[in-house]
Protein backbone atom coordinates (compact mmCIF):
# COMPACT_ATOMS: atom_id res chain seq x y z
CA UNK A 1 16.61 -17.57 -2.16
CA UNK A 2 15.28 -19.13 -5.37
CA UNK A 3 13.90 -16.27 -7.48
CA UNK A 4 13.22 -18.25 -10.61
CA UNK A 5 9.98 -19.22 -12.34
CA UNK A 6 10.61 -21.61 -15.23
CA UNK A 7 14.28 -20.76 -14.96
CA UNK A 8 13.82 -16.98 -15.31
CA UNK A 9 13.79 -14.22 -12.75
CA UNK A 10 10.08 -13.33 -12.46
CA UNK A 11 10.64 -9.56 -12.59
CA UNK A 12 13.20 -9.58 -15.41
CA UNK A 13 12.49 -6.64 -17.70
CA UNK A 14 10.34 -4.81 -15.14
CA UNK A 15 11.21 -1.27 -14.03
CA UNK A 16 10.17 -0.08 -10.57
CA UNK A 17 10.22 3.15 -8.61
CA UNK A 18 10.39 2.67 -4.85
CA UNK A 19 9.82 5.78 -2.75
CA UNK A 20 11.46 6.27 0.64
CA UNK A 21 13.90 3.51 -0.29
CA UNK A 22 17.05 4.76 1.43
CA UNK A 23 16.51 2.68 4.56
CA UNK A 24 14.18 0.29 6.38
CA UNK A 25 11.27 -1.16 4.46
CA UNK A 26 11.88 0.87 1.31
CA UNK A 27 15.47 -0.34 1.02
CA UNK A 28 14.32 -3.93 1.63
CA UNK A 29 11.65 -3.59 -1.09
CA UNK A 30 14.21 -2.19 -3.54
CA UNK A 31 16.68 -4.99 -2.84
CA UNK A 32 14.01 -7.68 -3.20
CA UNK A 33 12.77 -6.27 -6.51
CA UNK A 34 16.33 -6.19 -7.84
CA UNK A 35 17.02 -9.74 -6.64
CA UNK A 36 13.97 -10.88 -8.60
CA UNK A 37 15.23 -9.16 -11.75
CA UNK A 38 13.69 -5.67 -11.78
CA UNK A 39 15.58 -2.48 -12.50
CA UNK A 40 14.96 -0.10 -9.62
CA UNK A 41 14.80 3.67 -9.19
CA UNK A 42 15.70 4.12 -5.53
CA UNK A 43 14.02 7.29 -4.32
CA UNK A 44 14.99 9.01 -1.08
CA UNK A 45 15.54 12.66 -0.30
CA UNK A 46 18.87 13.78 1.13
CA UNK A 47 18.37 15.35 4.51
CA UNK A 48 20.64 18.31 5.37
CA UNK A 49 23.88 17.00 6.81
CA UNK A 50 22.92 13.37 6.19
CA UNK A 51 24.44 10.77 3.91
CA UNK A 52 23.03 9.95 0.48
CA UNK A 53 21.08 6.84 1.50
CA UNK A 54 19.45 6.33 -1.90
CA UNK A 55 22.84 6.23 -3.61
CA UNK A 56 24.12 3.73 -1.04
CA UNK A 57 21.18 1.37 -1.63
CA UNK A 58 21.49 1.70 -5.41
CA UNK A 59 25.21 0.96 -5.21
CA UNK A 60 24.61 -2.11 -3.06
CA UNK A 61 22.14 -3.41 -5.65
CA UNK A 62 24.60 -2.87 -8.49
CA UNK A 63 27.37 -4.51 -6.48
CA UNK A 64 25.14 -7.61 -6.25
CA UNK A 65 24.66 -7.70 -10.01
CA UNK A 66 21.39 -5.79 -10.18
CA UNK A 67 20.36 -2.59 -11.92
CA UNK A 68 19.52 0.53 -9.93
CA UNK A 69 19.86 4.29 -9.88
CA UNK A 70 19.28 6.82 -7.12
CA UNK A 71 16.63 9.56 -7.32
CA UNK A 72 16.46 12.28 -4.67
CA UNK A 73 13.09 14.01 -4.91
CA UNK A 74 11.17 14.87 -1.75
CA UNK A 75 7.85 13.07 -2.36
CA UNK A 76 5.90 16.15 -1.23
CA UNK A 77 7.42 18.21 -4.07
CA UNK A 78 4.69 18.68 -6.70
CA UNK A 79 7.16 17.74 -9.45
CA UNK A 80 8.47 14.62 -7.70
CA UNK A 81 6.32 12.20 -9.66
CA UNK A 82 7.28 13.62 -13.04
CA UNK A 83 10.97 13.47 -12.12
CA UNK A 84 10.70 9.85 -10.98
CA UNK A 85 8.98 8.82 -14.21
CA UNK A 86 11.62 10.62 -16.28
CA UNK A 87 14.44 9.03 -14.29
CA UNK A 88 13.02 5.55 -14.87
CA UNK A 89 12.44 6.05 -18.59
CA UNK A 90 15.79 7.77 -19.18
CA UNK A 91 17.71 5.02 -17.37
CA UNK A 92 15.72 1.89 -18.25
CA UNK A 93 13.37 2.73 -21.12
CA UNK A 94 9.98 2.50 -19.41
CA UNK A 95 8.14 2.36 -16.08
CA UNK A 96 5.69 -0.36 -15.08
CA UNK A 97 5.85 -0.54 -11.28
CA UNK A 98 5.38 1.81 -8.33
CA UNK A 99 6.02 0.82 -4.72
CA UNK A 100 4.82 3.83 -2.74
CA UNK A 101 6.55 3.40 0.58
CA UNK A 102 7.60 6.88 1.71
CA UNK A 103 5.70 8.05 4.76
CA UNK A 104 5.79 9.58 8.19
CA UNK A 105 4.23 8.56 11.50
CA UNK A 106 4.08 12.04 13.00
CA UNK A 107 4.14 12.58 16.73
CA UNK A 108 2.36 10.20 19.11
CA UNK A 109 -0.35 12.33 20.71
CA UNK A 110 -4.02 11.98 21.58
CA UNK A 111 -6.32 13.85 19.25
CA UNK A 112 -7.30 17.43 20.10
CA UNK A 113 -7.82 20.66 18.24
CA UNK A 114 -4.10 21.33 18.59
CA UNK A 115 -3.30 18.36 16.34
CA UNK A 116 -5.09 19.65 13.22
CA UNK A 117 -1.89 21.04 11.72
CA UNK A 118 -0.16 17.75 12.45
CA UNK A 119 -2.93 15.89 10.61
CA UNK A 120 -2.46 18.12 7.56
CA UNK A 121 1.30 17.55 7.59
CA UNK A 122 0.99 13.77 7.82
CA UNK A 123 -1.74 13.68 5.16
CA UNK A 124 0.52 15.70 2.85
CA UNK A 125 3.23 13.03 2.95
CA UNK A 126 1.20 9.84 3.39
CA UNK A 127 -1.73 10.63 1.14
CA UNK A 128 -1.48 13.66 -1.14
CA UNK A 129 2.11 12.94 -2.19
CA UNK A 130 1.11 9.45 -3.25
CA UNK A 131 -1.89 10.66 -5.25
CA UNK A 132 0.35 13.12 -7.10
CA UNK A 133 2.98 10.46 -7.91
CA UNK A 134 0.29 8.09 -9.20
CA UNK A 135 -1.23 10.86 -11.33
CA UNK A 136 2.16 11.62 -12.88
CA UNK A 137 2.80 7.92 -13.58
CA UNK A 138 -0.51 6.70 -15.02
CA UNK A 139 0.35 7.28 -18.66
CA UNK A 140 3.67 5.44 -18.40
CA UNK A 141 2.16 2.59 -16.38
CA UNK A 142 -0.76 2.14 -18.76
CA UNK A 143 1.52 2.15 -21.81
CA UNK A 144 3.11 -1.13 -20.71
CA UNK A 145 -0.24 -2.94 -20.46
CA UNK A 146 0.81 -4.51 -17.16
CA UNK A 147 1.30 -1.65 -14.73
CA UNK A 148 1.50 -2.41 -11.04
CA UNK A 149 1.00 -0.01 -8.13
CA UNK A 150 1.55 -1.11 -4.54
CA UNK A 151 0.64 1.22 -1.70
CA UNK A 152 2.49 0.56 1.54
CA UNK A 153 -0.11 1.17 4.22
CA UNK A 154 -0.62 0.08 7.83
CA UNK A 155 -3.01 -1.81 10.07
CA UNK A 156 -3.62 1.63 11.61
CA UNK A 157 -5.56 2.48 8.46
CA UNK A 158 -7.71 -0.62 8.94
CA UNK A 159 -8.37 -0.49 12.67
CA UNK A 160 -7.12 2.86 14.00
CA UNK A 161 -4.43 3.16 16.66
CA UNK A 162 -4.45 5.06 19.93
CA UNK A 163 -2.41 8.26 19.86
CA UNK A 164 -1.98 8.19 16.07
CA UNK A 165 -5.25 9.56 14.67
CA UNK A 166 -3.35 11.53 12.01
CA UNK A 167 -1.36 8.50 10.87
CA UNK A 168 -4.39 6.18 10.91
CA UNK A 169 -6.49 8.67 8.96
CA UNK A 170 -3.81 9.09 6.31
CA UNK A 171 -3.46 5.34 5.82
CA UNK A 172 -7.23 4.84 5.79
CA UNK A 173 -7.47 7.44 3.04
CA UNK A 174 -4.69 5.68 1.15
CA UNK A 175 -6.53 2.36 1.37
CA UNK A 176 -9.77 3.89 0.04
CA UNK A 177 -7.82 5.56 -2.77
CA UNK A 178 -6.29 2.21 -3.73
CA UNK A 179 -9.68 0.46 -3.74
CA UNK A 180 -11.18 3.16 -5.93
CA UNK A 181 -8.36 3.08 -8.47
CA UNK A 182 -8.53 -0.71 -8.54
CA UNK A 183 -12.22 -0.47 -9.42
CA UNK A 184 -11.67 2.25 -12.05
CA UNK A 185 -8.79 0.43 -13.75
CA UNK A 186 -10.06 -3.14 -13.44
CA UNK A 187 -9.15 -4.94 -16.67
CA UNK A 188 -7.50 -1.83 -18.16
CA UNK A 189 -3.82 -2.62 -17.67
CA UNK A 190 -2.93 -1.38 -14.16
CA UNK A 191 -3.50 -3.14 -10.84
CA UNK A 192 -3.59 -1.38 -7.46
CA UNK A 193 -2.97 -3.32 -4.25
CA UNK A 194 -2.05 -2.60 -0.63
CA UNK A 195 0.54 -4.12 1.69
CA UNK A 196 0.40 -3.41 5.43
CA UNK A 197 3.79 -4.55 6.77
CA UNK A 198 4.81 -5.13 10.37
CA UNK A 199 8.53 -4.40 10.51
CA UNK A 200 11.11 -3.02 12.88
CA UNK A 201 12.35 0.19 11.28
CA UNK A 202 13.63 3.58 12.29
CA UNK A 203 10.00 4.76 12.31
CA UNK A 204 9.00 2.09 14.83
CA UNK A 205 11.92 2.68 17.17
CA UNK A 206 14.11 -0.20 16.01
CA UNK A 207 17.16 1.98 16.66
CA UNK A 208 16.45 1.49 20.36
CA UNK A 209 18.96 -1.12 21.63
CA UNK A 210 16.27 -2.48 23.97
CA UNK A 211 13.95 -3.26 21.03
CA UNK A 212 14.56 -6.95 20.14
CA UNK A 213 12.92 -7.02 16.70
CA UNK A 214 15.14 -9.30 14.60
CA UNK A 215 12.07 -11.39 13.77
CA UNK A 216 10.43 -8.34 12.20
CA UNK A 217 13.37 -7.36 10.00
CA UNK A 218 12.14 -5.55 6.84
CA UNK A 219 13.71 -8.19 4.59
CA UNK A 220 11.26 -10.77 5.99
CA UNK A 221 8.23 -9.02 4.45
CA UNK A 222 9.90 -7.61 1.32
CA UNK A 223 9.26 -10.67 -0.92
CA UNK A 224 5.51 -10.07 -0.50
CA UNK A 225 5.90 -6.67 -2.15
CA UNK A 226 7.80 -8.21 -5.07
CA UNK A 227 5.04 -10.76 -5.54
CA UNK A 228 2.24 -8.18 -5.41
CA UNK A 229 3.85 -6.15 -8.23
CA UNK A 230 4.83 -9.11 -10.36
CA UNK A 231 3.07 -9.84 -13.66
CA UNK A 232 2.17 -13.22 -12.13
CA UNK A 233 -0.15 -11.45 -9.65
CA UNK A 234 -2.90 -9.96 -11.79
CA UNK A 235 -5.59 -9.44 -9.14
CA UNK A 236 -6.39 -5.94 -7.99
CA UNK A 237 -7.94 -4.19 -5.00
CA UNK A 238 -6.41 -6.59 -2.48
CA UNK A 239 -4.97 -5.85 0.97
CA UNK A 240 -2.31 -8.06 2.53
CA UNK A 241 -0.83 -7.73 5.99
CA UNK A 242 2.15 -9.49 7.50
CA UNK A 243 5.63 -9.53 8.94
CA UNK A 244 8.32 -11.90 10.13
CA UNK A 245 7.72 -14.20 7.18
CA UNK A 246 3.95 -14.52 7.85
CA UNK A 247 1.31 -13.12 5.49
CA UNK A 248 -2.47 -12.69 5.75
CA UNK A 249 -5.15 -11.57 3.32
CA UNK A 250 -7.41 -8.77 4.61
CA UNK A 251 -11.03 -8.50 3.50
CA UNK A 252 -13.67 -5.95 4.44
CA UNK A 253 -16.95 -7.82 4.78
CA UNK A 254 -20.62 -7.19 5.47
CA UNK A 255 -23.07 -9.58 7.09
CA UNK A 256 -26.14 -10.65 5.17
CA UNK A 257 -28.31 -8.27 7.14
CA UNK A 258 -32.00 -8.43 7.92
CA UNK A 259 -35.03 -6.19 8.10
CA UNK A 260 -34.25 -3.30 10.42
CA UNK A 261 -36.45 -2.85 13.52
CA UNK A 262 -38.45 0.34 13.76
CA UNK A 263 -38.24 0.76 17.55
CA UNK A 264 -34.97 1.73 19.19
CA UNK A 265 -35.52 -0.76 22.02
CA UNK A 266 -35.39 -3.62 19.50
CA UNK A 267 -32.08 -2.66 17.92
CA UNK A 268 -29.86 -4.37 20.51
CA UNK A 269 -31.42 -7.76 19.86
CA UNK A 270 -31.08 -7.07 16.12
CA UNK A 271 -27.38 -6.19 16.54
CA UNK A 272 -26.65 -9.40 18.45
CA UNK A 273 -28.22 -11.37 15.61
CA UNK A 274 -25.92 -9.64 13.13
CA UNK A 275 -22.70 -10.15 15.13
CA UNK A 276 -21.78 -13.46 13.46
CA UNK A 277 -19.91 -13.61 10.17
CA UNK A 278 -21.52 -16.76 8.78
CA UNK A 279 -23.21 -14.76 6.02
CA UNK A 280 -20.44 -12.19 5.57
CA UNK A 281 -18.98 -11.42 2.16
CA UNK A 282 -16.66 -8.92 0.56
CA UNK A 283 -17.26 -6.70 -2.46
CA UNK A 284 -15.19 -5.31 -5.30
CA UNK A 285 -16.32 -1.74 -4.63
CA UNK A 286 -18.92 0.49 -2.99
CA UNK A 287 -21.29 0.17 -5.96
CA UNK A 288 -21.22 -3.63 -5.74
CA UNK A 289 -21.82 -3.46 -1.98
CA UNK A 290 -24.82 -1.15 -2.48
CA UNK A 291 -26.21 -3.32 -5.27
CA UNK A 292 -26.07 -6.39 -3.05
CA UNK A 293 -27.78 -4.65 -0.12
CA UNK A 294 -30.43 -3.14 -2.40
CA UNK A 295 -31.05 -6.57 -3.93
CA UNK A 296 -31.64 -8.07 -0.49
CA UNK A 297 -33.94 -5.20 0.40
CA UNK A 298 -36.00 -5.60 -2.76
CA UNK A 299 -36.26 -9.35 -2.19
CA UNK A 300 -37.44 -8.72 1.38
CA UNK A 301 -40.05 -6.19 0.29
CA UNK A 302 -41.25 -8.48 -2.46
CA UNK A 303 -41.57 -11.37 -0.02
CA UNK A 304 -43.47 -9.22 2.47
CA UNK A 305 -45.93 -8.14 -0.20
CA UNK A 306 -46.77 -11.69 -1.22
């Protein structure tokens, strides 16, 4: 793979923390970042009785000529973010990149009152842990003037998924969090973007010998993550989705709209007229979306009064 831009590795001098990087997507992200020149803090907790997966990934990166260290915090530990930042600065001098990959799918089960505790558990890992790590990292990221945060989300957070209400809700919350931070930090030195990868991993059952998912190997989406955190990608608030070497841009859009009917019986005809996307557009944030709608409404009212 050619990792050069003008003869230099595009992430040379960058320092990244990758959470949940002991296996699957996280390990692929860490390897790709290192291949493109970044120094990597490979985060992964050590499960009781299990091997040190973070150390193995870090060693494989070093064996290939890259720079990496292992870090073993459980992301749900309130001090995890501070420890990751310290590890990066102590080892490599600064921190400018977060790839927040660690997550859990929870159990596949239809929603009921019995799943409320499961929702809280999944939200703790997939949402609250990420907010805490970002909070602990903001000062270090901003100090570099080119901080990059990439949230690893899922199409479940865009569209929902049957039997995974807890997982979908956690990823939807993560997406909204990313959009908000992108809006708050626009032009202030940190970008926030989202990648929704399709990949065969332990979480998706790739350990099953009857699951033929070579096309969706994590390494085939990992370069997208390296691009989204590179200094050459300076846009913010974007969502990308892909797998198997294919990548798509995701955009939430609204139709142009029209004057709302006042009788319920007229709404169905109105809805059919709004089903096309010819006038659809996206917005940089909720305030921009409201301003556009309110502008159309004022123009309509003004036209009606003339």
